[in-house]
């Protein structure tokens, strides 16, 4: 059982190293493709590579109803409208 765990760790390390050499756009496309193959693959990617999963699937944009850039700037400066 221990050798299986080691093999899994080596596989994960090799995958991380390979993705680190790619551009963000290419990395996101490949992670999405891998995760969309099956529910099991999606779970494996999500649990084994949480940072890559977050980068590929969770939007870095602000949520709906959030402040616009100008609104955030005004809030930081304390200026009133």
Protein backbone atom coordinates (compact mmCIF):
# COMPACT_ATOMS: atom_id res chain seq x y z
CA UNK A 1 0.00 0.00 0.00
CA UNK A 2 2.88 2.36 0.80
CA UNK A 3 4.35 2.00 -2.69
CA UNK A 4 0.99 2.96 -4.16
CA UNK A 5 0.96 6.14 -2.07
CA UNK A 6 4.51 6.96 -3.18
CA UNK A 7 3.63 6.37 -6.82
CA UNK A 8 0.63 8.68 -6.45
CA UNK A 9 2.81 11.39 -4.88
CA UNK A 10 5.38 11.09 -7.66
CA UNK A 11 2.63 11.28 -10.28
CA UNK A 12 1.16 14.37 -8.63
CA UNK A 13 4.59 16.04 -8.41
CA UNK A 14 5.28 15.29 -12.08
CA UNK A 15 1.91 16.73 -13.12
CA UNK A 16 2.45 19.90 -11.09
CA UNK A 17 5.92 20.34 -12.58
CA UNK A 18 4.59 19.87 -16.10
CA UNK A 19 1.77 22.38 -15.63
CA UNK A 20 4.14 24.91 -14.03
CA UNK A 21 5.97 25.23 -17.35
CA UNK A 22 2.79 26.12 -19.29
CA UNK A 23 1.17 29.48 -19.85
CA UNK A 24 -1.90 30.18 -17.71
CA UNK A 25 -4.25 29.94 -20.68
CA UNK A 26 -2.85 26.57 -21.75
CA UNK A 27 -2.85 25.28 -18.16
CA UNK A 28 -6.49 26.23 -17.60
CA UNK A 29 -7.57 24.63 -20.87
CA UNK A 30 -5.79 21.35 -20.06
CA UNK A 31 -7.11 21.17 -16.49
CA UNK A 32 -10.66 21.78 -17.71
CA UNK A 33 -10.25 19.09 -20.35
CA UNK A 34 -8.88 16.59 -17.82
CA UNK A 35 -11.59 17.33 -15.26
CA UNK A 36 -14.42 17.14 -17.79
CA UNK A 37 -13.55 13.56 -18.83
CA UNK A 38 -15.56 12.03 -15.95
CA UNK A 39 -16.86 12.78 -12.48
CA UNK A 40 -14.05 10.69 -11.00
CA UNK A 41 -11.43 12.67 -12.89
CA UNK A 42 -12.99 15.95 -11.75
CA UNK A 43 -12.90 14.76 -8.13
CA UNK A 44 -9.28 13.60 -8.48
CA UNK A 45 -8.19 16.98 -9.91
CA UNK A 46 -10.16 18.89 -7.26
CA UNK A 47 -8.73 16.90 -4.34
CA UNK A 48 -5.17 16.35 -5.58
CA UNK A 49 -4.52 19.74 -7.21
CA UNK A 50 -6.76 22.27 -5.44
CA UNK A 51 -4.75 25.28 -6.66
CA UNK A 52 -4.92 24.20 -10.30
CA UNK A 53 -8.62 23.40 -9.94
CA UNK A 54 -9.33 26.82 -8.42
CA UNK A 55 -7.38 28.53 -11.17
CA UNK A 56 -9.29 26.66 -13.89
CA UNK A 57 -12.84 26.76 -12.53
CA UNK A 58 -13.31 29.55 -10.03
CA UNK A 59 -13.63 32.97 -11.55
CA UNK A 60 -11.20 35.63 -10.30
CA UNK A 61 -13.74 38.31 -11.22
CA UNK A 62 -15.82 39.98 -8.53
CA UNK A 63 -19.21 38.44 -7.80
CA UNK A 64 -22.43 39.95 -9.13
CA UNK A 65 -23.61 42.86 -7.05
CA UNK A 66 -20.10 43.81 -5.99
CA UNK A 67 -18.68 47.28 -6.32
CA UNK A 68 -17.24 48.56 -9.56
CA UNK A 69 -13.62 49.66 -9.73
CA UNK A 70 -14.60 53.32 -9.39
CA UNK A 71 -16.81 52.48 -6.41
CA UNK A 72 -13.97 50.61 -4.71
CA UNK A 73 -11.63 53.54 -5.37
CA UNK A 74 -14.11 55.99 -3.81
CA UNK A 75 -14.59 53.70 -0.80
CA UNK A 76 -10.83 53.47 -0.24
CA UNK A 77 -10.35 57.21 -0.48
CA UNK A 78 -13.35 58.04 1.69
CA UNK A 79 -14.74 60.38 -0.99
CA UNK A 80 -18.45 60.82 -1.24
CA UNK A 81 -20.46 60.77 -4.40
